[in-house]
Amino acid sequence: GRIGFVLPPDLPIVLLLESEADYRQVVLSLARVGYDRIVGYLRGGIDAWERAGLPVTSGDIEDIEPSELHRLLSDGNRPVVVDVREPWEYAQARIPGSKLIPVGELNARVKELDTQQPVAVVCATGSRSQSAAAMLGRNGFSKVYNVVGGIYSWQFAGLPLERGR
């Protein structure tokens, strides 16, 4: 249900599927939410694409545990932490020094971030941040971390939090 945050509905889309058998179901699901310009799927998936020697640029996206992010934040090559939750969630508890850009606004506000600086993306549980990290990768960010388990895992690990506005 988050395709609208990432792609405008008038773009032609080529699907990358786990199984070619999923094609009809995925096309029907996308059509229900206004995406009717599916031009096909990549036969053989990303492996076939890479075997053909075609370029793959998703940026460097790496899943990272909260404890590892905490360590990175205390050394020199500090990533910018982008929290993609809603403002009310951010006010409840957040990683100190993080920047709030709700996932629905990320496309429009991507220019606020430096593509050369490492970015760590966090949400509540790690699913919105995965979509956001992929979007940043497509926008040429050189290093993107997806915080596994989100703010809940950060909190569970006993790492520092900021609260309030």
C-alpha atoms as a PDB file:
ATOM      1  CA  GLY A   1       0.000   0.000   0.000  1.00  0.00           C
ATOM      2  CA  ARG A   2       2.966   2.441   0.036  1.00  0.00           C
ATOM      3  CA  ILE A   3       3.599   2.613  -3.706  1.00  0.00           C
ATOM      4  CA  GLY A   4       1.979   6.073  -3.784  1.00  0.00           C
ATOM      5  CA  PHE A   5       4.767   7.440  -1.571  1.00  0.00           C
ATOM      6  CA  VAL A   6       7.380   6.290  -4.058  1.00  0.00           C
ATOM      7  CA  LEU A   7       5.952   6.378  -7.609  1.00  0.00           C
ATOM      8  CA  PRO A   8       3.475   8.655  -9.409  1.00  0.00           C
ATOM      9  CA  PRO A   9       0.617   6.593 -10.977  1.00  0.00           C
ATOM     10  CA  ASP A  10       1.303   7.755 -14.551  1.00  0.00           C
ATOM     11  CA  LEU A  11       4.764   6.138 -14.793  1.00  0.00           C
ATOM     12  CA  PRO A  12       5.203   2.969 -16.869  1.00  0.00           C
ATOM     13  CA  ILE A  13       6.223   0.179 -14.460  1.00  0.00           C
ATOM     14  CA  VAL A  14       8.297  -2.957 -15.012  1.00  0.00           C
ATOM     15  CA  LEU A  15       7.885  -5.444 -12.171  1.00  0.00           C
ATOM     16  CA  LEU A  16      10.641  -7.370 -10.461  1.00  0.00           C
ATOM     17  CA  LEU A  17       8.937 -10.497  -9.096  1.00  0.00           C
ATOM     18  CA  GLU A  18       9.904 -13.332  -6.766  1.00  0.00           C
ATOM     19  CA  SER A  19       7.903 -15.664  -9.031  1.00  0.00           C
ATOM     20  CA  GLU A  20       6.484 -15.101 -12.515  1.00  0.00           C
ATOM     21  CA  ALA A  21       3.302 -16.794 -11.222  1.00  0.00           C
ATOM     22  CA  ASP A  22       2.686 -13.669  -9.074  1.00  0.00           C
ATOM     23  CA  TYR A  23       2.405 -11.384 -12.123  1.00  0.00           C
ATOM     24  CA  ARG A  24      -1.407 -11.398 -12.580  1.00  0.00           C
ATOM     25  CA  GLN A  25      -2.080 -10.917  -8.862  1.00  0.00           C
ATOM     26  CA  VAL A  26       0.401  -8.029  -8.575  1.00  0.00           C
ATOM     27  CA  VAL A  27      -1.013  -6.324 -11.694  1.00  0.00           C
ATOM     28  CA  LEU A  28      -4.578  -6.611 -10.311  1.00  0.00           C
ATOM     29  CA  SER A  29      -3.508  -5.282  -6.897  1.00  0.00           C
ATOM     30  CA  LEU A  30      -1.742  -2.307  -8.480  1.00  0.00           C
ATOM     31  CA  ALA A  31      -4.703  -1.574 -10.795  1.00  0.00           C
ATOM     32  CA  ARG A  32      -6.999  -1.360  -7.740  1.00  0.00           C
ATOM     33  CA  VAL A  33      -4.951   1.581  -6.417  1.00  0.00           C
ATOM     34  CA  GLY A  34      -4.704   3.377  -9.779  1.00  0.00           C
ATOM     35  CA  TYR A  35      -1.482   1.926 -11.238  1.00  0.00           C
ATOM     36  CA  ASP A  36      -2.498   0.631 -14.664  1.00  0.00           C
ATOM     37  CA  ARG A  37       0.659   1.263 -16.709  1.00  0.00           C
ATOM     38  CA  ILE A  38       2.384  -2.076 -15.989  1.00  0.00           C
ATOM     39  CA  VAL A  39       4.445  -2.838 -19.081  1.00  0.00           C
ATOM     40  CA  GLY A  40       5.612  -6.291 -17.975  1.00  0.00           C
ATOM     41  CA  TYR A  41       8.108  -8.006 -15.726  1.00  0.00           C
ATOM     42  CA  LEU A  42      11.807  -8.797 -15.875  1.00  0.00           C
ATOM     43  CA  ARG A  43      12.055 -12.464 -16.911  1.00  0.00           C
ATOM     44  CA  GLY A  44      14.699 -14.163 -14.760  1.00  0.00           C
ATOM     45  CA  GLY A  45      14.661 -11.300 -12.254  1.00  0.00           C
ATOM     46  CA  ILE A  46      17.576  -9.156 -11.195  1.00  0.00           C
ATOM     47  CA  ASP A  47      19.986 -12.084 -11.674  1.00  0.00           C
ATOM     48  CA  ALA A  48      19.238 -12.172 -15.417  1.00  0.00           C
ATOM     49  CA  TRP A  49      19.701  -8.384 -15.558  1.00  0.00           C
ATOM     50  CA  GLU A  50      23.109  -8.582 -13.862  1.00  0.00           C
ATOM     51  CA  ARG A  51      24.190 -11.609 -16.001  1.00  0.00           C
ATOM     52  CA  ALA A  52      23.464  -9.507 -19.081  1.00  0.00           C
ATOM     53  CA  GLY A  53      25.997  -6.995 -17.730  1.00  0.00           C
ATOM     54  CA  LEU A  54      23.402  -4.257 -17.258  1.00  0.00           C
ATOM     55  CA  PRO A  55      23.974  -1.580 -14.603  1.00  0.00           C
ATOM     56  CA  VAL A  56      22.561  -1.920 -11.103  1.00  0.00           C
ATOM     57  CA  THR A  57      22.472   1.237  -8.995  1.00  0.00           C
ATOM     58  CA  SER A  58      20.368   1.007  -5.878  1.00  0.00           C
ATOM     59  CA  GLY A  59      22.854   2.918  -3.808  1.00  0.00           C
ATOM     60  CA  ASP A  60      24.548   1.082  -0.992  1.00  0.00           C
ATOM     61  CA  ILE A  61      21.728   0.085   1.376  1.00  0.00           C
ATOM     62  CA  GLU A  62      22.656  -1.863   4.480  1.00  0.00           C
ATOM     63  CA  ASP A  63      20.489  -3.158   7.321  1.00  0.00           C
ATOM     64  CA  ILE A  64      21.966  -2.031  10.624  1.00  0.00           C
ATOM     65  CA  GLU A  65      21.183  -3.007  14.226  1.00  0.00           C
ATOM     66  CA  PRO A  66      20.376  -0.171  16.668  1.00  0.00           C
ATOM     67  CA  SER A  67      23.551  -0.899  18.700  1.00  0.00           C
ATOM     68  CA  GLU A  68      25.686  -0.551  15.552  1.00  0.00           C
ATOM     69  CA  LEU A  69      23.998   2.760  14.673  1.00  0.00           C
ATOM     70  CA  HIS A  70      24.601   3.991  18.234  1.00  0.00           C
ATOM     71  CA  ARG A  71      28.315   3.158  17.799  1.00  0.00           C
ATOM     72  CA  LEU A  72      28.450   4.980  14.430  1.00  0.00           C
ATOM     73  CA  LEU A  73      26.788   8.056  15.939  1.00  0.00           C
ATOM     74  CA  SER A  74      29.591   8.347  18.482  1.00  0.00           C
ATOM     75  CA  ASP A  75      32.461   8.185  15.971  1.00  0.00           C
ATOM     76  CA  GLY A  76      33.605  10.536  13.200  1.00  0.00           C
ATOM     77  CA  ASN A  77      31.651   9.335  10.141  1.00  0.00           C
ATOM     78  CA  ARG A  78      28.332  10.144  11.774  1.00  0.00           C
ATOM     79  CA  PRO A  79      25.298   9.378   9.573  1.00  0.00           C
ATOM     80  CA  VAL A  80      22.322  11.751   9.473  1.00  0.00           C
ATOM     81  CA  VAL A  81      19.429   9.933  11.169  1.00  0.00           C
ATOM     82  CA  VAL A  82      16.191  10.462   9.234  1.00  0.00           C
ATOM     83  CA  ASP A  83      13.041   9.450  11.116  1.00  0.00           C
ATOM     84  CA  VAL A  84      10.262   8.703   8.597  1.00  0.00           C
ATOM     85  CA  ARG A  85       7.439   8.304  11.132  1.00  0.00           C
ATOM     86  CA  GLU A  86       4.582  10.768  11.665  1.00  0.00           C
ATOM     87  CA  PRO A  87       5.125  13.890  13.824  1.00  0.00           C
ATOM     88  CA  TRP A  88       3.040  12.481  16.725  1.00  0.00           C
ATOM     89  CA  GLU A  89       5.216   9.331  16.815  1.00  0.00           C
ATOM     90  CA  TYR A  90       8.395  11.418  16.658  1.00  0.00           C
ATOM     91  CA  ALA A  91       7.231  13.535  19.630  1.00  0.00           C
ATOM     92  CA  GLN A  92       6.718  10.402  21.778  1.00  0.00           C
ATOM     93  CA  ALA A  93      10.291   9.111  21.463  1.00  0.00           C
ATOM     94  CA  ARG A  94      13.132   9.542  18.973  1.00  0.00           C
ATOM     95  CA  ILE A  95      16.840   9.011  18.466  1.00  0.00           C
ATOM     96  CA  PRO A  96      18.624  12.144  19.764  1.00  0.00           C
ATOM     97  CA  GLY A  97      19.537  14.522  16.927  1.00  0.00           C
ATOM     98  CA  SER A  98      17.358  12.757  14.351  1.00  0.00           C
ATOM     99  CA  LYS A  99      15.613  14.713  11.580  1.00  0.00           C
ATOM    100  CA  LEU A 100      11.881  14.161  11.035  1.00  0.00           C
ATOM    101  CA  ILE A 101      10.820  13.667   7.400  1.00  0.00           C
ATOM    102  CA  PRO A 102       7.601  11.579   7.277  1.00  0.00           C
ATOM    103  CA  VAL A 103       7.777   8.887   4.579  1.00  0.00           C
ATOM    104  CA  GLY A 104       4.965  10.573   2.607  1.00  0.00           C
ATOM    105  CA  GLU A 105       7.039  13.775   2.351  1.00  0.00           C
ATOM    106  CA  LEU A 106      10.420  12.189   1.606  1.00  0.00           C
ATOM    107  CA  ASN A 107      10.190  12.443  -2.191  1.00  0.00           C
ATOM    108  CA  ALA A 108       9.394  16.165  -2.007  1.00  0.00           C
ATOM    109  CA  ARG A 109      12.021  16.896   0.681  1.00  0.00           C
ATOM    110  CA  VAL A 110      14.914  14.684  -0.493  1.00  0.00           C
ATOM    111  CA  LYS A 111      16.927  17.804  -1.474  1.00  0.00           C
ATOM    112  CA  GLU A 112      17.229  18.664   2.255  1.00  0.00           C
ATOM    113  CA  LEU A 113      19.713  15.787   2.534  1.00  0.00           C
ATOM    114  CA  ASP A 114      23.274  15.510   1.200  1.00  0.00           C
ATOM    115  CA  THR A 115      23.678  12.504  -1.113  1.00  0.00           C
ATOM    116  CA  GLN A 116      27.373  12.235  -0.114  1.00  0.00           C
ATOM    117  CA  GLN A 117      26.697  11.956   3.616  1.00  0.00           C
ATOM    118  CA  PRO A 118      25.683   8.585   5.108  1.00  0.00           C
ATOM    119  CA  VAL A 119      21.985   8.444   6.051  1.00  0.00           C
ATOM    120  CA  ALA A 120      20.367   6.100   8.598  1.00  0.00           C
ATOM    121  CA  VAL A 121      16.602   5.709   8.124  1.00  0.00           C
ATOM    122  CA  VAL A 122      14.404   4.753  11.087  1.00  0.00           C
ATOM    123  CA  CYS A 123      10.669   4.238  11.644  1.00  0.00           C
ATOM    124  CA  ALA A 124       8.674   2.410  14.345  1.00  0.00           C
ATOM    125  CA  THR A 125       9.423  -1.202  13.360  1.00  0.00           C
ATOM    126  CA  GLY A 126      11.599  -1.103  10.225  1.00  0.00           C
ATOM    127  CA  SER A 127       9.052  -1.445   7.409  1.00  0.00           C
ATOM    128  CA  ARG A 128       8.473   2.210   6.425  1.00  0.00           C
ATOM    129  CA  SER A 129      12.213   2.797   6.710  1.00  0.00           C
ATOM    130  CA  GLN A 130      12.853  -0.014   4.221  1.00  0.00           C
ATOM    131  CA  SER A 131      10.705   1.763   1.573  1.00  0.00           C
ATOM    132  CA  ALA A 132      12.378   5.083   2.399  1.00  0.00           C
ATOM    133  CA  ALA A 133      15.897   3.591   2.219  1.00  0.00           C
ATOM    134  CA  ALA A 134      15.144   2.138  -1.223  1.00  0.00           C
ATOM    135  CA  MET A 135      13.894   5.532  -2.400  1.00  0.00           C
ATOM    136  CA  LEU A 136      17.074   7.234  -1.163  1.00  0.00           C
ATOM    137  CA  GLY A 137      19.160   4.562  -2.914  1.00  0.00           C
ATOM    138  CA  ARG A 138      17.397   5.340  -6.198  1.00  0.00           C
ATOM    139  CA  ASN A 139      18.126   9.033  -5.642  1.00  0.00           C
ATOM    140  CA  GLY A 140      21.891   8.485  -5.650  1.00  0.00           C
ATOM    141  CA  PHE A 141      22.690   8.485  -1.931  1.00  0.00           C
ATOM    142  CA  SER A 142      26.113   6.914  -1.497  1.00  0.00           C
ATOM    143  CA  LYS A 143      25.427   5.143   1.829  1.00  0.00           C
ATOM    144  CA  VAL A 144      22.025   4.351   3.331  1.00  0.00           C
ATOM    145  CA  TYR A 145      21.411   2.365   6.518  1.00  0.00           C
ATOM    146  CA  ASN A 146      18.016   0.861   7.341  1.00  0.00           C
ATOM    147  CA  VAL A 147      17.619   0.558  11.141  1.00  0.00           C
ATOM    148  CA  VAL A 148      16.364  -3.000  11.756  1.00  0.00           C
ATOM    149  CA  GLY A 149      13.399  -3.124  14.136  1.00  0.00           C
ATOM    150  CA  GLY A 150      13.097   0.661  14.171  1.00  0.00           C
ATOM    151  CA  ILE A 151      12.654   2.816  17.241  1.00  0.00           C
ATOM    152  CA  TYR A 152      11.136  -0.122  19.163  1.00  0.00           C
ATOM    153  CA  SER A 153      14.376  -2.104  18.870  1.00  0.00           C
ATOM    154  CA  TRP A 154      16.402   1.020  19.719  1.00  0.00           C
ATOM    155  CA  GLN A 155      14.297   1.490  22.877  1.00  0.00           C
ATOM    156  CA  PHE A 156      14.412  -2.248  23.744  1.00  0.00           C
ATOM    157  CA  ALA A 157      18.229  -2.115  23.551  1.00  0.00           C
ATOM    158  CA  GLY A 158      18.154   0.616  26.234  1.00  0.00           C
ATOM    159  CA  LEU A 159      19.691   3.250  23.946  1.00  0.00           C
ATOM    160  CA  PRO A 160      19.142   6.988  24.636  1.00  0.00           C
ATOM    161  CA  LEU A 161      15.899   8.665  23.555  1.00  0.00           C
ATOM    162  CA  GLU A 162      14.638  12.233  23.277  1.00  0.00           C
ATOM    163  CA  ARG A 163      10.962  13.003  23.944  1.00  0.00           C
ATOM    164  CA  GLY A 164       8.614  15.920  23.440  1.00  0.00           C
ATOM    165  CA  ARG A 165       8.407  18.480  20.670  1.00  0.00           C
END
